[in-house]
Protein backbone atom coordinates (compact mmCIF):
# COMPACT_ATOMS: atom_id res chain seq x y z
CA UNK A 1 -1.87 -45.30 -2.29
CA UNK A 2 -0.28 -43.04 -4.61
CA UNK A 3 -3.73 -42.17 -6.10
CA UNK A 4 -4.99 -41.32 -2.53
CA UNK A 5 -1.57 -39.30 -1.85
CA UNK A 6 -1.97 -37.32 -5.03
CA UNK A 7 -5.72 -36.52 -4.32
CA UNK A 8 -4.88 -35.31 -0.81
CA UNK A 9 -2.01 -33.22 -2.32
CA UNK A 10 -4.30 -31.58 -4.90
CA UNK A 11 -6.69 -30.75 -2.20
CA UNK A 12 -3.96 -29.07 -0.39
CA UNK A 13 -2.72 -27.00 -3.24
CA UNK A 14 -6.41 -26.16 -3.88
CA UNK A 15 -7.12 -25.04 -0.40
CA UNK A 16 -3.66 -22.96 -0.28
CA UNK A 17 -4.72 -21.38 -3.77
CA UNK A 18 -8.09 -20.49 -2.45
CA UNK A 19 -6.70 -19.04 0.89
CA UNK A 20 -4.33 -16.91 -1.33
CA UNK A 21 -6.71 -15.66 -3.37
CA UNK A 22 -8.92 -14.64 -0.15
CA UNK A 23 -5.91 -12.91 1.13
CA UNK A 24 -5.57 -10.88 -2.24
CA UNK A 25 -9.28 -9.91 -1.76
CA UNK A 26 -8.84 -8.76 1.83
CA UNK A 27 -5.50 -7.14 1.03
CA UNK A 28 -7.12 -5.13 -1.66
CA UNK A 29 -9.54 -3.46 0.81
CA UNK A 30 -7.21 -3.34 3.81
CA UNK A 31 -4.25 -1.64 2.38
CA UNK A 32 -6.15 1.23 0.92
CA UNK A 33 -8.34 1.64 3.96
CA UNK A 34 -5.01 2.30 5.88
CA UNK A 35 -4.32 5.09 3.80
CA UNK A 36 -7.79 6.33 4.07
CA UNK A 37 -7.53 6.07 8.06
CA UNK A 38 -4.23 7.62 8.13
CA UNK A 39 -5.42 10.74 6.28
CA UNK A 40 -8.40 11.05 8.25
CA UNK A 41 -6.40 10.90 11.51
CA UNK A 42 -3.98 13.45 10.27
CA UNK A 43 -6.79 16.26 10.23
CA UNK A 44 -6.79 16.15 13.95
CA UNK A 45 -2.96 15.99 14.12
CA UNK A 46 -2.85 19.19 11.83
CA UNK A 47 -5.18 21.02 14.09
CA UNK A 48 -3.21 20.17 17.03
CA UNK A 49 -0.02 21.15 15.30
CA UNK A 50 -1.51 24.53 14.33
CA UNK A 51 -3.19 25.58 17.80
CA UNK A 52 -0.06 24.37 19.48
CA UNK A 53 1.92 27.41 18.17
CA UNK A 54 -0.66 29.62 20.02
CA UNK A 55 0.40 28.63 23.53
CA UNK A 56 -0.04 26.07 26.07
CA UNK A 57 -3.79 27.20 27.08
CA UNK A 58 -4.65 26.72 23.42
CA UNK A 59 -3.13 23.32 23.11
CA UNK A 60 -4.36 21.90 26.14
CA UNK A 61 -7.74 23.18 25.68
CA UNK A 62 -7.99 21.76 21.99
CA UNK A 63 -6.58 18.45 23.19
CA UNK A 64 -9.12 18.06 25.82
CA UNK A 65 -12.04 19.20 23.54
CA UNK A 66 -10.64 16.61 20.76
CA UNK A 67 -10.53 13.81 23.17
CA UNK A 68 -14.04 14.46 24.66
CA UNK A 69 -15.59 15.32 21.21
CA UNK A 70 -14.15 12.04 19.80
CA UNK A 71 -15.63 9.87 23.02
CA UNK A 72 -18.90 11.53 23.12
CA UNK A 73 -19.81 12.41 19.41
CA UNK A 74 -17.69 11.08 16.62
CA UNK A 75 -16.73 7.99 17.96
CA UNK A 76 -20.30 7.16 18.91
CA UNK A 77 -21.47 7.93 15.28
CA UNK A 78 -18.59 5.99 13.74
CA UNK A 79 -19.60 2.91 15.81
CA UNK A 80 -23.36 3.36 14.98
CA UNK A 81 -22.37 3.55 11.26
CA UNK A 82 -20.88 -0.14 11.85
CA UNK A 83 -24.67 -1.32 11.35
CA UNK A 84 -24.34 -0.84 7.98
CA UNK A 85 -21.70 -3.18 7.64
CA UNK A 86 -24.05 -5.82 8.32
CA UNK A 87 -27.01 -4.37 6.33
CA UNK A 88 -25.33 -2.92 3.46
CA UNK A 89 -22.67 -5.60 3.30
CA UNK A 90 -25.00 -8.60 3.26
CA UNK A 91 -27.39 -6.49 0.74
CA UNK A 92 -24.55 -5.89 -1.54
CA UNK A 93 -23.74 -9.83 -1.22
CA UNK A 94 -27.16 -10.83 -1.91
CA UNK A 95 -27.44 -8.24 -4.92
CA UNK A 96 -30.33 -6.37 -3.16
CA UNK A 97 -29.21 -3.20 -4.48
CA UNK A 98 -32.39 -1.18 -3.74
CA UNK A 99 -32.21 -2.29 -0.19
CA UNK A 100 -28.59 -1.40 -0.22
CA UNK A 101 -29.26 2.33 -0.90
CA UNK A 102 -32.27 2.37 1.36
CA UNK A 103 -30.10 1.16 4.41
CA UNK A 104 -27.68 4.03 3.77
CA UNK A 105 -30.53 6.80 3.80
CA UNK A 106 -31.98 5.15 7.15
CA UNK A 107 -28.37 5.35 8.46
CA UNK A 108 -28.02 8.86 7.52
CA UNK A 109 -31.57 9.84 9.28
CA UNK A 110 -30.86 7.93 12.38
CA UNK A 111 -27.20 9.24 12.93
CA UNK A 112 -28.80 12.98 12.22
CA UNK A 113 -31.31 12.13 15.15
CA UNK A 114 -28.46 10.97 17.43
CA UNK A 115 -26.60 14.30 16.82
CA UNK A 116 -29.12 16.22 18.72
CA UNK A 117 -28.56 15.26 22.15
CA UNK A 118 -24.65 15.20 21.58
CA UNK A 119 -25.02 18.68 20.64
CA UNK A 120 -26.53 19.71 24.24
CA UNK A 121 -23.68 17.94 25.77
CA UNK A 122 -21.27 20.00 23.75
CA UNK A 123 -22.86 23.38 24.47
CA UNK A 124 -22.81 22.78 28.35
CA UNK A 125 -19.28 21.15 28.01
CA UNK A 126 -17.56 23.72 30.13
CA UNK A 127 -20.05 23.09 32.87
CA UNK A 128 -19.42 19.47 33.02
CA UNK A 129 -15.65 19.79 32.90
CA UNK A 130 -15.85 22.17 35.82
CA UNK A 131 -18.06 19.91 37.78
CA UNK A 132 -15.73 17.05 37.59
CA UNK A 133 -12.74 19.35 38.74
CA UNK A 134 -11.04 20.62 35.47
CA UNK A 135 -9.48 23.92 35.26
CA UNK A 136 -12.19 26.57 34.38
CA UNK A 137 -9.97 28.66 31.91
CA UNK A 138 -9.21 25.41 30.03
CA UNK A 139 -12.96 24.30 30.22
CA UNK A 140 -14.51 27.40 28.74
CA UNK A 141 -11.74 27.20 25.79
CA UNK A 142 -12.39 23.51 25.11
CA UNK A 143 -16.24 24.42 25.35
CA UNK A 144 -15.73 27.23 22.73
CA UNK A 145 -13.69 24.73 20.29
CA UNK A 146 -16.51 21.93 20.64
CA UNK A 147 -19.41 24.38 19.68
CA UNK A 148 -17.63 25.29 16.55
CA UNK A 149 -17.33 21.55 15.97
CA UNK A 150 -20.98 21.09 15.77
CA UNK A 151 -21.59 21.60 11.97
CA UNK A 152 -18.73 18.79 11.61
CA UNK A 153 -20.87 16.48 13.99
CA UNK A 154 -23.87 16.79 11.51
CA UNK A 155 -21.64 16.37 8.64
CA UNK A 156 -20.26 13.16 10.08
CA UNK A 157 -24.10 11.82 10.33
CA UNK A 158 -23.75 11.81 6.55
CA UNK A 159 -20.02 11.14 6.22
CA UNK A 160 -19.84 7.93 8.24
CA UNK A 161 -22.79 6.22 6.37
CA UNK A 162 -21.23 7.20 3.10
CA UNK A 163 -17.96 5.62 3.95
CA UNK A 164 -19.80 2.54 4.65
CA UNK A 165 -21.65 2.89 1.48
CA UNK A 166 -18.16 2.61 -0.49
CA UNK A 167 -16.49 0.12 1.88
CA UNK A 168 -19.30 -2.55 1.56
CA UNK A 169 -18.85 -2.21 -1.98
CA UNK A 170 -15.11 -2.42 -1.99
CA UNK A 171 -14.95 1.04 -3.49
CA UNK A 172 -12.08 2.49 -1.43
CA UNK A 173 -10.31 4.62 -4.12
CA UNK A 174 -12.71 7.49 -4.13
CA UNK A 175 -12.37 7.75 -0.21
CA UNK A 176 -8.57 7.95 -0.70
CA UNK A 177 -8.81 10.76 -3.39
CA UNK A 178 -11.52 12.91 -1.38
CA UNK A 179 -9.47 12.25 1.92
CA UNK A 180 -6.46 13.36 0.38
CA UNK A 181 -7.94 16.43 -1.19
CA UNK A 182 -9.60 17.21 2.19
CA UNK A 183 -6.23 16.94 4.03
CA UNK A 184 -4.56 19.47 1.66
CA UNK A 185 -7.60 21.72 1.97
CA UNK A 186 -7.40 21.50 5.87
CA UNK A 187 -3.75 22.50 5.91
CA UNK A 188 -4.16 25.58 3.98
CA UNK A 189 -7.71 26.46 5.54
CA UNK A 190 -6.50 25.90 9.13
CA UNK A 191 -3.57 27.90 8.64
CA UNK A 192 -5.23 30.87 7.14
CA UNK A 193 -8.04 30.88 9.77
CA UNK A 194 -5.78 30.51 12.57
CA UNK A 195 -2.80 32.74 11.79
CA UNK A 196 -4.02 34.98 8.98
CA UNK A 197 -7.24 35.74 10.22
CA UNK A 198 -6.45 35.58 14.02
CA UNK A 199 -9.36 33.23 14.82
CA UNK A 200 -7.31 30.86 17.01
CA UNK A 201 -8.76 27.80 18.01
CA UNK A 202 -12.29 28.74 16.75
CA UNK A 203 -10.52 28.85 13.15
CA UNK A 204 -9.11 25.38 13.50
CA UNK A 205 -12.60 24.13 14.48
CA UNK A 206 -14.29 26.01 11.67
CA UNK A 207 -11.60 24.51 9.03
CA UNK A 208 -12.46 21.00 10.68
CA UNK A 209 -16.23 21.39 10.01
CA UNK A 210 -15.61 22.71 6.41
CA UNK A 211 -13.43 19.77 5.78
CA UNK A 212 -16.21 17.47 6.96
CA UNK A 213 -18.59 18.95 4.55
CA UNK A 214 -15.97 19.03 1.67
CA UNK A 215 -15.73 15.32 2.09
CA UNK A 216 -19.35 14.74 2.15
CA UNK A 217 -19.94 17.00 -1.14
CA UNK A 218 -16.88 15.03 -2.91
CA UNK A 219 -18.21 11.55 -1.99
CA UNK A 220 -21.86 12.84 -2.89
CA UNK A 221 -20.52 13.76 -6.29
CA UNK A 222 -18.94 10.27 -6.82
CA UNK A 223 -22.24 8.59 -5.97
CA UNK A 224 -23.97 10.82 -8.48
CA UNK A 225 -21.91 10.70 -11.38
CA UNK A 226 -19.69 7.74 -11.30
CA UNK A 227 -20.90 4.56 -13.13
CA UNK A 228 -19.28 2.31 -10.24
CA UNK A 229 -22.48 3.35 -8.13
CA UNK A 230 -25.22 2.94 -10.85
CA UNK A 231 -26.75 -0.09 -9.32
CA UNK A 232 -26.63 1.28 -5.69
CA UNK A 233 -27.68 4.77 -6.40
CA UNK A 234 -31.45 5.25 -5.74
CA UNK A 235 -33.73 7.88 -4.83
CA UNK A 236 -35.15 8.52 -1.56
CA UNK A 237 -38.29 6.91 -0.09
CA UNK A 238 -40.47 6.37 2.72
CA UNK A 239 -38.94 2.99 3.37
CA UNK A 240 -35.91 4.61 4.72
CA UNK A 241 -37.74 6.16 7.51
CA UNK A 242 -39.41 2.53 8.39
CA UNK A 243 -36.11 1.16 8.49
CA UNK A 244 -35.00 3.23 11.46
CA UNK A 245 -35.79 0.69 14.34
CA UNK A 246 -33.99 -2.25 12.32
CA UNK A 247 -31.00 -0.20 11.76
CA UNK A 248 -30.84 0.82 15.70
CA UNK A 249 -30.82 -2.67 16.71
CA UNK A 250 -27.63 -3.24 14.93
CA UNK A 251 -26.02 0.20 15.31
CA UNK A 252 -26.59 0.77 19.10
CA UNK A 253 -24.69 -2.46 20.07
CA UNK A 254 -22.01 -1.68 17.25
CA UNK A 255 -21.44 1.85 18.95
CA UNK A 256 -21.02 -0.03 22.18
CA UNK A 257 -18.43 -2.52 20.84
CA UNK A 258 -16.37 0.47 19.60
CA UNK A 259 -16.86 2.95 22.43
CA UNK A 260 -16.41 0.59 25.64
CA UNK A 261 -12.69 0.12 25.40
CA UNK A 262 -12.13 3.68 24.14
CA UNK A 263 -13.99 4.91 27.32
CA UNK A 264 -12.09 2.56 29.58
CA UNK A 265 -8.72 3.73 28.04
CA UNK A 266 -9.67 7.57 28.42
CA UNK A 267 -10.80 6.80 32.10
CA UNK A 268 -7.23 5.43 32.78
CA UNK A 269 -5.80 8.80 31.61
CA UNK A 270 -7.72 10.72 33.79
CA UNK A 271 -6.93 8.20 36.69
CA UNK A 272 -3.28 8.59 35.92
CA UNK A 273 -3.71 12.13 37.11
CA UNK A 274 -4.21 11.02 40.67
CA UNK A 275 -0.93 9.33 41.11
CA UNK A 276 2.09 10.79 43.11
CA UNK A 277 3.87 12.27 40.07
CA UNK A 278 0.98 12.90 37.59
CA UNK A 279 2.93 14.57 35.01
CA UNK A 280 5.12 11.32 34.56
CA UNK A 281 2.17 8.83 34.76
CA UNK A 282 -0.19 10.65 32.57
CA UNK A 283 2.72 11.37 29.91
CA UNK A 284 3.77 7.70 29.69
CA UNK A 285 0.07 6.64 29.46
CA UNK A 286 -0.56 9.21 26.60
CA UNK A 287 2.24 8.03 24.67
CA UNK A 288 1.27 4.22 24.79
CA UNK A 289 -2.29 5.51 23.95
CA UNK A 290 -0.87 7.41 21.13
CA UNK A 291 0.99 4.50 19.62
CA UNK A 292 -1.57 2.17 20.15
CA UNK A 293 -4.15 4.58 18.43
CA UNK A 294 -1.68 4.74 15.32
CA UNK A 295 -1.38 1.09 15.06
CA UNK A 296 -5.02 0.59 15.08
CA UNK A 297 -5.40 2.60 11.88
CA UNK A 298 -3.74 -0.43 10.39
CA UNK A 299 -5.53 -3.42 12.21
CA UNK A 300 -9.00 -1.46 12.18
CA UNK A 301 -8.51 -1.47 8.39
CA UNK A 302 -8.03 -5.11 8.35
CA UNK A 303 -11.17 -5.49 10.40
CA UNK A 304 -12.97 -3.50 7.84
CA UNK A 305 -11.85 -5.72 5.02
CA UNK A 306 -12.89 -8.70 7.34
CA UNK A 307 -16.49 -7.19 7.79
CA UNK A 308 -16.80 -6.46 4.06
CA UNK A 309 -15.86 -10.09 2.93
CA UNK A 310 -17.92 -12.01 5.57
CA UNK A 311 -20.99 -9.69 4.98
CA UNK A 312 -20.81 -10.04 1.09
CA UNK A 313 -20.37 -13.66 1.22
CA UNK A 314 -23.09 -14.23 3.95
CA UNK A 315 -25.21 -12.22 1.53
CA UNK A 316 -24.60 -14.17 -1.20
CA UNK A 317 -24.97 -17.54 0.78
CA UNK A 318 -21.44 -18.57 0.31
CA UNK A 319 -20.77 -19.96 3.82
CA UNK A 320 -17.44 -21.75 2.85
CA UNK A 321 -16.16 -18.76 1.60
CA UNK A 322 -16.79 -16.78 4.86
CA UNK A 323 -14.65 -19.41 6.55
CA UNK A 324 -11.87 -18.76 4.30
CA UNK A 325 -12.28 -15.05 4.80
CA UNK A 326 -12.12 -15.34 8.53
CA UNK A 327 -8.79 -17.53 8.14
CA UNK A 328 -7.32 -15.40 5.78
CA UNK A 329 -8.05 -12.01 7.86
CA UNK A 330 -6.70 -13.83 11.03
CA UNK A 331 -3.54 -14.66 9.28
CA UNK A 332 -3.07 -11.31 7.75
CA UNK A 333 -3.84 -9.63 11.27
CA UNK A 334 -1.41 -11.68 13.43
CA UNK A 335 1.47 -11.29 10.72
CA UNK A 336 1.25 -7.42 10.98
CA UNK A 337 0.95 -7.82 14.76
CA UNK A 338 4.03 -9.85 15.07
CA UNK A 339 5.93 -7.55 12.93
CA UNK A 340 4.83 -4.46 14.59
CA UNK A 341 5.06 -5.77 18.18
CA UNK A 342 8.70 -7.10 17.58
CA UNK A 343 9.58 -3.58 16.04
CA UNK A 344 8.39 -2.05 19.33
CA UNK A 345 9.95 -4.26 21.48
CA UNK A 346 13.62 -3.72 19.56
CA UNK A 347 13.24 0.12 19.55
CA UNK A 348 11.93 0.25 23.13
CA UNK A 349 14.70 2.21 24.63
CA UNK A 350 14.64 4.97 22.00
CA UNK A 351 10.94 4.85 21.38
CA UNK A 352 10.14 7.65 23.74
CA UNK A 353 12.38 10.22 22.12
CA UNK A 354 9.99 10.47 19.43
CA UNK A 355 7.73 12.21 21.89
CA UNK A 356 10.06 13.88 24.47
CA UNK A 357 13.75 14.25 25.65
CA UNK A 358 12.92 13.73 29.24
CA UNK A 359 15.08 10.63 30.05
CA UNK A 360 12.74 9.43 32.97
CA UNK A 361 9.76 9.40 30.54
CA UNK A 362 11.72 7.55 28.00
CA UNK A 363 12.76 5.02 30.39
CA UNK A 364 9.51 4.44 31.65
CA UNK A 365 8.20 3.85 28.21
CA UNK A 366 10.81 1.31 27.64
CA UNK A 367 9.51 -0.55 30.79
CA UNK A 368 5.99 -0.52 29.39
CA UNK A 369 6.86 -1.37 25.87
CA UNK A 370 6.65 -5.13 26.00
CA UNK A 371 3.19 -4.82 27.49
CA UNK A 372 2.26 -2.33 24.49
CA UNK A 373 3.72 -5.06 22.13
CA UNK A 374 1.16 -7.60 23.77
CA UNK A 375 -1.53 -4.87 23.53
CA UNK A 376 -0.68 -4.63 19.84
CA UNK A 377 -1.37 -8.19 19.24
CA UNK A 378 -4.71 -8.29 21.01
CA UNK A 379 -5.73 -5.15 19.20
CA UNK A 380 -4.88 -6.97 15.72
CA UNK A 381 -6.84 -10.07 16.70
CA UNK A 382 -9.92 -8.11 18.14
CA UNK A 383 -10.09 -5.93 15.21
CA UNK A 384 -10.64 -8.76 12.83
CA UNK A 385 -12.87 -10.66 15.10
CA UNK A 386 -15.04 -7.36 15.64
CA UNK A 387 -15.10 -7.17 11.73
CA UNK A 388 -16.47 -10.65 11.56
CA UNK A 389 -19.10 -9.99 14.39
CA UNK A 390 -20.19 -6.55 12.34
CA UNK A 391 -20.24 -8.56 8.94
CA UNK A 392 -22.31 -11.44 10.69
CA UNK A 393 -24.64 -9.15 12.52
CA UNK A 394 -24.08 -10.33 15.97
CA UNK A 395 -22.98 -7.10 17.30
CA UNK A 396 -25.02 -7.26 20.70
CA UNK A 397 -22.80 -10.49 21.49
CA UNK A 398 -19.58 -8.37 20.80
CA UNK A 399 -21.14 -5.48 23.01
CA UNK A 400 -21.63 -7.94 25.92
CA UNK A 401 -18.12 -9.44 25.46
CA UNK A 402 -16.46 -5.96 25.58
CA UNK A 403 -18.58 -4.77 28.49
CA UNK A 404 -17.44 -7.79 30.83
CA UNK A 405 -13.92 -7.63 29.34
CA UNK A 406 -12.98 -4.10 30.43
CA UNK A 407 -15.48 -3.15 32.96
CA UNK A 408 -15.82 -6.31 35.04
CA UNK A 409 -11.94 -7.22 34.18
CA UNK A 410 -9.72 -4.77 32.60
CA UNK A 411 -10.72 -1.69 34.67
CA UNK A 412 -10.88 -3.28 38.08
CA UNK A 413 -7.63 -5.11 37.68
CA UNK A 414 -6.00 -1.82 36.29
CA UNK A 415 -7.03 0.19 39.34
CA UNK A 416 -6.16 -2.64 41.78
CA UNK A 417 -2.54 -2.76 40.22
CA UNK A 418 -2.27 0.94 39.58
CA UNK A 419 -3.35 2.13 43.26
CA UNK A 420 -3.36 -0.93 45.38
CA UNK A 421 -0.17 -2.59 44.21
CA UNK A 422 1.31 0.82 43.23
CA UNK A 423 2.33 -0.29 39.81
CA UNK A 424 0.91 3.25 38.66
CA UNK A 425 0.80 3.73 34.95
CA UNK A 426 2.07 0.23 34.43
CA UNK A 427 -0.83 -1.31 36.37
CA UNK A 428 -3.38 0.66 34.38
CA UNK A 429 -1.78 -0.61 31.12
CA UNK A 430 -1.75 -4.29 32.31
CA UNK A 431 -5.61 -3.72 32.97
CA UNK A 432 -5.90 -2.76 29.41
CA UNK A 433 -3.97 -5.64 28.19
CA UNK A 434 -5.72 -8.14 30.35
CA UNK A 435 -9.17 -6.71 29.12
CA UNK A 436 -8.04 -7.15 25.51
CA UNK A 437 -7.08 -10.70 26.10
CA UNK A 438 -10.16 -11.66 27.87
CA UNK A 439 -12.00 -10.03 24.96
CA UNK A 440 -10.02 -11.72 22.25
CA UNK A 441 -10.64 -15.05 23.78
CA UNK A 442 -14.48 -14.63 23.99
CA UNK A 443 -14.90 -13.45 20.53
CA UNK A 444 -12.86 -16.18 19.17
CA UNK A 445 -14.91 -18.67 21.08
CA UNK A 446 -18.01 -16.94 19.52
CA UNK A 447 -16.49 -16.96 16.28
CA UNK A 448 -15.57 -20.74 16.39
CA UNK A 449 -19.01 -21.52 17.33
CA UNK A 450 -20.67 -19.53 15.13
CA UNK A 451 -23.18 -21.39 12.77
CA UNK A 452 -22.40 -19.81 9.34
CA UNK A 453 -25.14 -21.78 7.47
CA UNK A 454 -27.76 -20.22 9.96
CA UNK A 455 -26.34 -16.75 9.78
CA UNK A 456 -26.59 -17.07 5.93
CA UNK A 457 -30.14 -17.96 6.24
CA UNK A 458 -30.79 -15.07 8.37
CA UNK A 459 -29.10 -12.71 6.06
CA UNK A 460 -31.39 -14.11 3.26
CA UNK A 461 -34.56 -13.71 5.53
CA UNK A 462 -33.33 -9.99 6.20
CA UNK A 463 -33.39 -9.37 2.55
CA UNK A 464 -36.64 -11.00 1.91
CA UNK A 465 -38.28 -9.29 4.96
CA UNK A 466 -36.71 -6.20 6.66
CA UNK A 467 -38.99 -6.65 9.64
CA UNK A 468 -38.01 -10.12 10.23
CA UNK A 469 -36.30 -9.16 13.66
CA UNK A 470 -38.20 -9.94 16.70
CA UNK A 471 -39.54 -7.06 19.28
CA UNK A 472 -36.51 -7.86 21.47
CA UNK A 473 -33.79 -8.50 18.88
CA UNK A 474 -32.62 -11.49 16.93
CA UNK A 475 -32.72 -14.76 18.27
CA UNK A 476 -29.39 -15.52 20.10
CA UNK A 477 -29.70 -19.07 19.78
CA UNK A 478 -29.59 -19.13 16.06
CA UNK A 479 -26.18 -17.55 16.11
CA UNK A 480 -24.11 -19.93 18.07
CA UNK A 481 -24.01 -23.68 16.96
CA UNK A 482 -24.82 -25.35 20.10
């Protein structure tokens, strides 16, 4: 009995040690990624702060253009680049370094192709905005800003795959350095172009485009000259062109996963303008979305770490290590969510003062904050689960889950509560929270039922034969352990 007890205690200690080691691995990726994400987020904040001093028209135009270009362009590219979290992550884990480099070239080609139709939308952005009832003056200014962001769009077609190139190798330090340099450059350049050269909002857009390309150049220099990239640094070959079809099979559902909730939130902001007091309702919803977005920089980084660990271990065929990575990531995410959620709730009566002095808005924010805290917890959970999906290569299932969660549950319930039950902005936010809960439940079920041994075999087949995918995509039955 004593021996059995000692053996059980020894196994428990071993399991605890393994999980603690995995927590360190996940944390060593997630923590610096938070810094990278925040630095990149601050680029847009700086632009808005600069143009805000030009007047109300400039601020509202740039805010509208920033929102729409993110939704229709930058967000799509970022989501599609998530396909590399499967391909590059598993290739790196399998030590297929040549395929790793080839996939990166393929992604750059693919995203550049996607930029063409997005550019057309941005060129005619003013006409689209006027068509949906936006103010013509604001629409023309927003279109002007968007047109000068087109170079930044094409720069992101290279930058987004490059960030995945570093991320899936757990090389985060180069991105911190480049993002820090770019932010400093942006502050100086944006101020000079906007105020000294009197270019106004056009100057802010030009500064953003220059910063994107500077970031690309800095990261490419690191790839070229750093010994850390020696194994994955390869020359371009025609295989990169042949892999475009395979990449799109992962990239499109990855983009859908990212964009569906984003689009639902933007839709709710527009719908808030239809309430009896649109200024109050829109302001409150915008504050909630701003707080949620700031928090998402943290949980997204944990999701990135999860995706990297899962894809690397699947590529290496270590299925038990994949399970440990998922458990460790979930523990880290929920710990972070509880801390942030509790902090928001405890500060709910003063939280609104960070954004406005209007007591009515501050009190309304205090009422919605408990729902915001619940939303924060759901965001943390789904960020990790989405990271598992990207690392494992079942983005298509995540896309179906997100579609059903937000457009069959979240949006209809939000509209019903907001307009029929007269809960207004609170009702819309309940719709977002409910959609997130449904999303988390189904993603949890898929993760729990995933047969990691079959997933590891699929990753191995992918490395042996890049054309292993069937014409209509992967076999759904091979992902879920039925």
